[in-house]
Amino acid sequence: MLVERTKKEIIIRLPSSVDTEDLQDFLNYARYKELTANFKTDQKEVDKIAKEVNEKWWTKNRNKLIK
């Protein structure tokens, strides 16, 4: 693996043998960090929103999972 920093970006070179699923997980995390770098949100608010999303998902999908 080789990491190179330029004035505008960081370049990471990996061998082609790297598992693409693991690489995609890493890239998703890096994108998440990039998008949320400037957010100033209280963890309690994040937890509240996550709970609401999970409850709505469960209500919508429970019949598919419980028979």
PDB file of N, CA and C in Angstrom:
ATOM      1  N   MET A   1       0.853  -1.176   0.000  1.00  0.00           N
ATOM      2  CA  MET A   1       0.000   0.000   0.000  1.00  0.00           C
ATOM      3  C   MET A   1       0.892   1.230   0.000  1.00  0.00           C
ATOM      4  N   LEU A   2       0.457   2.222  -0.740  1.00  0.00           N
ATOM      5  CA  LEU A   2       1.200   3.475  -0.842  1.00  0.00           C
ATOM      6  C   LEU A   2       0.225   4.630  -0.636  1.00  0.00           C
ATOM      7  N   VAL A   3       0.596   5.558   0.252  1.00  0.00           N
ATOM      8  CA  VAL A   3      -0.231   6.735   0.510  1.00  0.00           C
ATOM      9  C   VAL A   3       0.565   7.967   0.104  1.00  0.00           C
ATOM     10  N   GLU A   4      -0.050   8.808  -0.706  1.00  0.00           N
ATOM     11  CA  GLU A   4       0.604  10.022  -1.193  1.00  0.00           C
ATOM     12  C   GLU A   4      -0.325  11.208  -0.955  1.00  0.00           C
ATOM     13  N   ARG A   5       0.209  12.289  -0.421  1.00  0.00           N
ATOM     14  CA  ARG A   5      -0.581  13.499  -0.187  1.00  0.00           C
ATOM     15  C   ARG A   5      -0.129  14.581  -1.154  1.00  0.00           C
ATOM     16  N   THR A   6      -1.108  15.177  -1.841  1.00  0.00           N
ATOM     17  CA  THR A   6      -0.839  16.334  -2.690  1.00  0.00           C
ATOM     18  C   THR A   6      -1.490  17.542  -2.020  1.00  0.00           C
ATOM     19  N   LYS A   7      -1.442  18.684  -2.654  1.00  0.00           N
ATOM     20  CA  LYS A   7      -2.046  19.876  -2.068  1.00  0.00           C
ATOM     21  C   LYS A   7      -3.565  19.757  -1.962  1.00  0.00           C
ATOM     22  N   LYS A   8      -4.177  18.996  -2.876  1.00  0.00           N
ATOM     23  CA  LYS A   8      -5.633  18.928  -2.924  1.00  0.00           C
ATOM     24  C   LYS A   8      -6.231  17.590  -2.528  1.00  0.00           C
ATOM     25  N   GLU A   9      -5.422  16.537  -2.444  1.00  0.00           N
ATOM     26  CA  GLU A   9      -5.998  15.222  -2.181  1.00  0.00           C
ATOM     27  C   GLU A   9      -4.981  14.252  -1.592  1.00  0.00           C
ATOM     28  N   ILE A  10      -5.493  13.137  -1.130  1.00  0.00           N
ATOM     29  CA  ILE A  10      -4.675  12.031  -0.660  1.00  0.00           C
ATOM     30  C   ILE A  10      -4.923  10.870  -1.613  1.00  0.00           C
ATOM     31  N   ILE A  11      -3.863  10.290  -2.120  1.00  0.00           N
ATOM     32  CA  ILE A  11      -3.964   9.184  -3.066  1.00  0.00           C
ATOM     33  C   ILE A  11      -3.501   7.910  -2.363  1.00  0.00           C
ATOM     34  N   ILE A  12      -4.347   6.896  -2.396  1.00  0.00           N
ATOM     35  CA  ILE A  12      -4.035   5.606  -1.778  1.00  0.00           C
ATOM     36  C   ILE A  12      -3.972   4.560  -2.879  1.00  0.00           C
ATOM     37  N   ARG A  13      -2.857   3.865  -2.977  1.00  0.00           N
ATOM     38  CA  ARG A  13      -2.696   2.804  -3.975  1.00  0.00           C
ATOM     39  C   ARG A  13      -2.673   1.464  -3.250  1.00  0.00           C
ATOM     40  N   LEU A  14      -3.529   0.560  -3.707  1.00  0.00           N
ATOM     41  CA  LEU A  14      -3.655  -0.758  -3.090  1.00  0.00           C
ATOM     42  C   LEU A  14      -3.432  -1.839  -4.130  1.00  0.00           C
ATOM     43  N   PRO A  15      -2.929  -2.991  -3.707  1.00  0.00           N
ATOM     44  CA  PRO A  15      -2.787  -4.088  -4.658  1.00  0.00           C
ATOM     45  C   PRO A  15      -4.169  -4.608  -5.078  1.00  0.00           C
ATOM     46  N   SER A  16      -4.266  -5.152  -6.255  1.00  0.00           N
ATOM     47  CA  SER A  16      -5.554  -5.638  -6.761  1.00  0.00           C
ATOM     48  C   SER A  16      -6.080  -6.826  -5.972  1.00  0.00           C
ATOM     49  N   SER A  17      -5.277  -7.392  -5.104  1.00  0.00           N
ATOM     50  CA  SER A  17      -5.715  -8.542  -4.299  1.00  0.00           C
ATOM     51  C   SER A  17      -6.580  -8.131  -3.107  1.00  0.00           C
ATOM     52  N   VAL A  18      -6.706  -6.827  -2.857  1.00  0.00           N
ATOM     53  CA  VAL A  18      -7.519  -6.353  -1.732  1.00  0.00           C
ATOM     54  C   VAL A  18      -8.986  -6.716  -1.987  1.00  0.00           C
ATOM     55  N   ASP A  19      -9.649  -7.245  -0.969  1.00  0.00           N
ATOM     56  CA  ASP A  19     -11.052  -7.621  -1.070  1.00  0.00           C
ATOM     57  C   ASP A  19     -11.904  -6.384  -1.354  1.00  0.00           C
ATOM     58  N   THR A  20     -12.671  -6.415  -2.437  1.00  0.00           N
ATOM     59  CA  THR A  20     -13.427  -5.228  -2.840  1.00  0.00           C
ATOM     60  C   THR A  20     -14.553  -4.888  -1.870  1.00  0.00           C
ATOM     61  N   GLU A  21     -15.117  -5.887  -1.206  1.00  0.00           N
ATOM     62  CA  GLU A  21     -16.173  -5.599  -0.232  1.00  0.00           C
ATOM     63  C   GLU A  21     -15.603  -4.848   0.968  1.00  0.00           C
ATOM     64  N   ASP A  22     -14.456  -5.278   1.449  1.00  0.00           N
ATOM     65  CA  ASP A  22     -13.795  -4.570   2.551  1.00  0.00           C
ATOM     66  C   ASP A  22     -13.399  -3.159   2.126  1.00  0.00           C
ATOM     67  N   LEU A  23     -12.916  -3.037   0.910  1.00  0.00           N
ATOM     68  CA  LEU A  23     -12.532  -1.729   0.390  1.00  0.00           C
ATOM     69  C   LEU A  23     -13.744  -0.810   0.298  1.00  0.00           C
ATOM     70  N   GLN A  24     -14.889  -1.344  -0.157  1.00  0.00           N
ATOM     71  CA  GLN A  24     -16.101  -0.530  -0.244  1.00  0.00           C
ATOM     72  C   GLN A  24     -16.556  -0.074   1.132  1.00  0.00           C
ATOM     73  N   ASP A  25     -16.454  -0.952   2.138  1.00  0.00           N
ATOM     74  CA  ASP A  25     -16.791  -0.561   3.511  1.00  0.00           C
ATOM     75  C   ASP A  25     -15.916   0.600   3.972  1.00  0.00           C
ATOM     76  N   PHE A  26     -14.627   0.510   3.696  1.00  0.00           N
ATOM     77  CA  PHE A  26     -13.703   1.579   4.062  1.00  0.00           C
ATOM     78  C   PHE A  26     -14.053   2.878   3.340  1.00  0.00           C
ATOM     79  N   LEU A  27     -14.347   2.790   2.052  1.00  0.00           N
ATOM     80  CA  LEU A  27     -14.688   3.989   1.283  1.00  0.00           C
ATOM     81  C   LEU A  27     -15.987   4.615   1.764  1.00  0.00           C
ATOM     82  N   ASN A  28     -16.960   3.789   2.126  1.00  0.00           N
ATOM     83  CA  ASN A  28     -18.212   4.310   2.681  1.00  0.00           C
ATOM     84  C   ASN A  28     -17.944   5.070   3.975  1.00  0.00           C
ATOM     85  N   TYR A  29     -17.084   4.506   4.818  1.00  0.00           N
ATOM     86  CA  TYR A  29     -16.738   5.181   6.079  1.00  0.00           C
ATOM     87  C   TYR A  29     -16.008   6.501   5.799  1.00  0.00           C
ATOM     88  N   ALA A  30     -15.075   6.478   4.864  1.00  0.00           N
ATOM     89  CA  ALA A  30     -14.333   7.698   4.525  1.00  0.00           C
ATOM     90  C   ALA A  30     -15.284   8.763   3.984  1.00  0.00           C
ATOM     91  N   ARG A  31     -16.252   8.361   3.175  1.00  0.00           N
ATOM     92  CA  ARG A  31     -17.243   9.307   2.635  1.00  0.00           C
ATOM     93  C   ARG A  31     -18.109   9.882   3.758  1.00  0.00           C
ATOM     94  N   TYR A  32     -18.512   9.010   4.674  1.00  0.00           N
ATOM     95  CA  TYR A  32     -19.280   9.453   5.842  1.00  0.00           C
ATOM     96  C   TYR A  32     -18.497  10.507   6.631  1.00  0.00           C
ATOM     97  N   LYS A  33     -17.208  10.247   6.879  1.00  0.00           N
ATOM     98  CA  LYS A  33     -16.376  11.202   7.628  1.00  0.00           C
ATOM     99  C   LYS A  33     -16.262  12.524   6.867  1.00  0.00           C
ATOM    100  N   GLU A  34     -16.136  12.441   5.555  1.00  0.00           N
ATOM    101  CA  GLU A  34     -16.042  13.642   4.737  1.00  0.00           C
ATOM    102  C   GLU A  34     -17.328  14.467   4.827  1.00  0.00           C
ATOM    103  N   LEU A  35     -18.461  13.797   4.721  1.00  0.00           N
ATOM    104  CA  LEU A  35     -19.741  14.499   4.725  1.00  0.00           C
ATOM    105  C   LEU A  35     -20.096  15.085   6.085  1.00  0.00           C
ATOM    106  N   THR A  36     -19.649  14.456   7.148  1.00  0.00           N
ATOM    107  CA  THR A  36     -20.040  14.900   8.488  1.00  0.00           C
ATOM    108  C   THR A  36     -18.951  15.703   9.206  1.00  0.00           C
ATOM    109  N   ALA A  37     -17.884  15.995   8.536  1.00  0.00           N
ATOM    110  CA  ALA A  37     -16.751  16.678   9.172  1.00  0.00           C
ATOM    111  C   ALA A  37     -17.136  18.023   9.781  1.00  0.00           C
ATOM    112  N   ASN A  38     -18.063  18.717   9.164  1.00  0.00           N
ATOM    113  CA  ASN A  38     -18.423  20.054   9.642  1.00  0.00           C
ATOM    114  C   ASN A  38     -19.731  20.095  10.424  1.00  0.00           C
ATOM    115  N   PHE A  39     -20.315  18.935  10.687  1.00  0.00           N
ATOM    116  CA  PHE A  39     -21.565  18.889  11.438  1.00  0.00           C
ATOM    117  C   PHE A  39     -21.297  19.087  12.920  1.00  0.00           C
ATOM    118  N   LYS A  40     -22.129  19.857  13.541  1.00  0.00           N
ATOM    119  CA  LYS A  40     -22.059  20.056  14.986  1.00  0.00           C
ATOM    120  C   LYS A  40     -23.409  19.634  15.562  1.00  0.00           C
ATOM    121  N   THR A  41     -23.564  18.356  15.852  1.00  0.00           N
ATOM    122  CA  THR A  41     -24.835  17.811  16.313  1.00  0.00           C
ATOM    123  C   THR A  41     -24.624  17.053  17.617  1.00  0.00           C
ATOM    124  N   ASP A  42     -25.555  17.214  18.520  1.00  0.00           N
ATOM    125  CA  ASP A  42     -25.522  16.528  19.795  1.00  0.00           C
ATOM    126  C   ASP A  42     -25.833  15.042  19.586  1.00  0.00           C
ATOM    127  N   GLN A  43     -25.106  14.148  20.258  1.00  0.00           N
ATOM    128  CA  GLN A  43     -25.315  12.710  20.106  1.00  0.00           C
ATOM    129  C   GLN A  43     -26.738  12.307  20.482  1.00  0.00           C
ATOM    130  N   LYS A  44     -27.331  12.990  21.448  1.00  0.00           N
ATOM    131  CA  LYS A  44     -28.711  12.675  21.837  1.00  0.00           C
ATOM    132  C   LYS A  44     -29.667  12.890  20.668  1.00  0.00           C
ATOM    133  N   GLU A  45     -29.450  13.935  19.895  1.00  0.00           N
ATOM    134  CA  GLU A  45     -30.299  14.206  18.732  1.00  0.00           C
ATOM    135  C   GLU A  45     -30.107  13.128  17.665  1.00  0.00           C
ATOM    136  N   VAL A  46     -28.879  12.712  17.447  1.00  0.00           N
ATOM    137  CA  VAL A  46     -28.597  11.636  16.497  1.00  0.00           C
ATOM    138  C   VAL A  46     -29.297  10.354  16.936  1.00  0.00           C
ATOM    139  N   ASP A  47     -29.201  10.023  18.212  1.00  0.00           N
ATOM    140  CA  ASP A  47     -29.844   8.817  18.742  1.00  0.00           C
ATOM    141  C   ASP A  47     -31.366   8.882  18.576  1.00  0.00           C
ATOM    142  N   LYS A  48     -31.941  10.054  18.788  1.00  0.00           N
ATOM    143  CA  LYS A  48     -33.385  10.234  18.645  1.00  0.00           C
ATOM    144  C   LYS A  48     -33.826   9.979  17.202  1.00  0.00           C
ATOM    145  N   ILE A  49     -33.099  10.549  16.266  1.00  0.00           N
ATOM    146  CA  ILE A  49     -33.434  10.362  14.849  1.00  0.00           C
ATOM    147  C   ILE A  49     -33.266   8.901  14.442  1.00  0.00           C
ATOM    148  N   ALA A  50     -32.190   8.268  14.903  1.00  0.00           N
ATOM    149  CA  ALA A  50     -31.958   6.856  14.582  1.00  0.00           C
ATOM    150  C   ALA A  50     -33.089   5.989  15.124  1.00  0.00           C
ATOM    151  N   LYS A  51     -33.548   6.288  16.313  1.00  0.00           N
ATOM    152  CA  LYS A  51     -34.644   5.526  16.910  1.00  0.00           C
ATOM    153  C   LYS A  51     -35.919   5.685  16.082  1.00  0.00           C
ATOM    154  N   GLU A  52     -36.206   6.910  15.653  1.00  0.00           N
ATOM    155  CA  GLU A  52     -37.388   7.162  14.826  1.00  0.00           C
ATOM    156  C   GLU A  52     -37.315   6.398  13.505  1.00  0.00           C
ATOM    157  N   VAL A  53     -36.167   6.426  12.869  1.00  0.00           N
ATOM    158  CA  VAL A  53     -35.985   5.712  11.602  1.00  0.00           C
ATOM    159  C   VAL A  53     -36.172   4.217  11.803  1.00  0.00           C
ATOM    160  N   ASN A  54     -35.566   3.675  12.857  1.00  0.00           N
ATOM    161  CA  ASN A  54     -35.691   2.243  13.129  1.00  0.00           C
ATOM    162  C   ASN A  54     -37.130   1.848  13.424  1.00  0.00           C
ATOM    163  N   GLU A  55     -37.848   2.662  14.167  1.00  0.00           N
ATOM    164  CA  GLU A  55     -39.247   2.360  14.476  1.00  0.00           C
ATOM    165  C   GLU A  55     -40.105   2.375  13.213  1.00  0.00           C
ATOM    166  N   LYS A  56     -39.889   3.352  12.350  1.00  0.00           N
ATOM    167  CA  LYS A  56     -40.652   3.423  11.100  1.00  0.00           C
ATOM    168  C   LYS A  56     -40.323   2.232  10.207  1.00  0.00           C
ATOM    169  N   TRP A  57     -39.049   1.853  10.143  1.00  0.00           N
ATOM    170  CA  TRP A  57     -38.656   0.710   9.330  1.00  0.00           C
ATOM    171  C   TRP A  57     -39.309  -0.562   9.864  1.00  0.00           C
ATOM    172  N   TRP A  58     -39.283  -0.740  11.170  1.00  0.00           N
ATOM    173  CA  TRP A  58     -39.862  -1.939  11.772  1.00  0.00           C
ATOM    174  C   TRP A  58     -41.362  -2.016  11.497  1.00  0.00           C
ATOM    175  N   THR A  59     -42.063  -0.886  11.650  1.00  0.00           N
ATOM    176  CA  THR A  59     -43.496  -0.849  11.393  1.00  0.00           C
ATOM    177  C   THR A  59     -43.790  -1.243   9.939  1.00  0.00           C
ATOM    178  N   LYS A  60     -42.979  -0.766   9.026  1.00  0.00           N
ATOM    179  CA  LYS A  60     -43.182  -1.047   7.607  1.00  0.00           C
ATOM    180  C   LYS A  60     -42.837  -2.497   7.254  1.00  0.00           C
ATOM    181  N   ASN A  61     -41.841  -3.083   7.906  1.00  0.00           N
ATOM    182  CA  ASN A  61     -41.310  -4.380   7.486  1.00  0.00           C
ATOM    183  C   ASN A  61     -41.604  -5.552   8.412  1.00  0.00           C
ATOM    184  N   ARG A  62     -42.245  -5.329   9.527  1.00  0.00           N
ATOM    185  CA  ARG A  62     -42.446  -6.402  10.497  1.00  0.00           C
ATOM    186  C   ARG A  62     -43.215  -7.577   9.936  1.00  0.00           C
ATOM    187  N   ASN A  63     -44.211  -7.309   9.086  1.00  0.00           N
ATOM    188  CA  ASN A  63     -45.007  -8.394   8.513  1.00  0.00           C
ATOM    189  C   ASN A  63     -44.193  -9.287   7.585  1.00  0.00           C
ATOM    190  N   LYS A  64     -43.162  -8.749   6.992  1.00  0.00           N
ATOM    191  CA  LYS A  64     -42.286  -9.551   6.122  1.00  0.00           C
ATOM    192  C   LYS A  64     -41.388 -10.464   6.931  1.00  0.00           C
ATOM    193  N   LEU A  65     -41.109 -10.103   8.177  1.00  0.00           N
ATOM    194  CA  LEU A  65     -40.148 -10.841   8.995  1.00  0.00           C
ATOM    195  C   LEU A  65     -40.806 -11.793   9.983  1.00  0.00           C
ATOM    196  N   ILE A  66     -42.007 -11.455  10.431  1.00  0.00           N
ATOM    197  CA  ILE A  66     -42.711 -12.292  11.414  1.00  0.00           C
ATOM    198  C   ILE A  66     -43.926 -12.912  10.722  1.00  0.00           C
ATOM    199  N   LYS A  67     -43.947 -14.249  10.748  1.00  0.00           N
ATOM    200  CA  LYS A  67     -45.062 -14.943  10.075  1.00  0.00           C
ATOM    201  C   LYS A  67     -45.798 -15.816  11.033  1.00  0.00           C
TER     202      LYS A  67
END
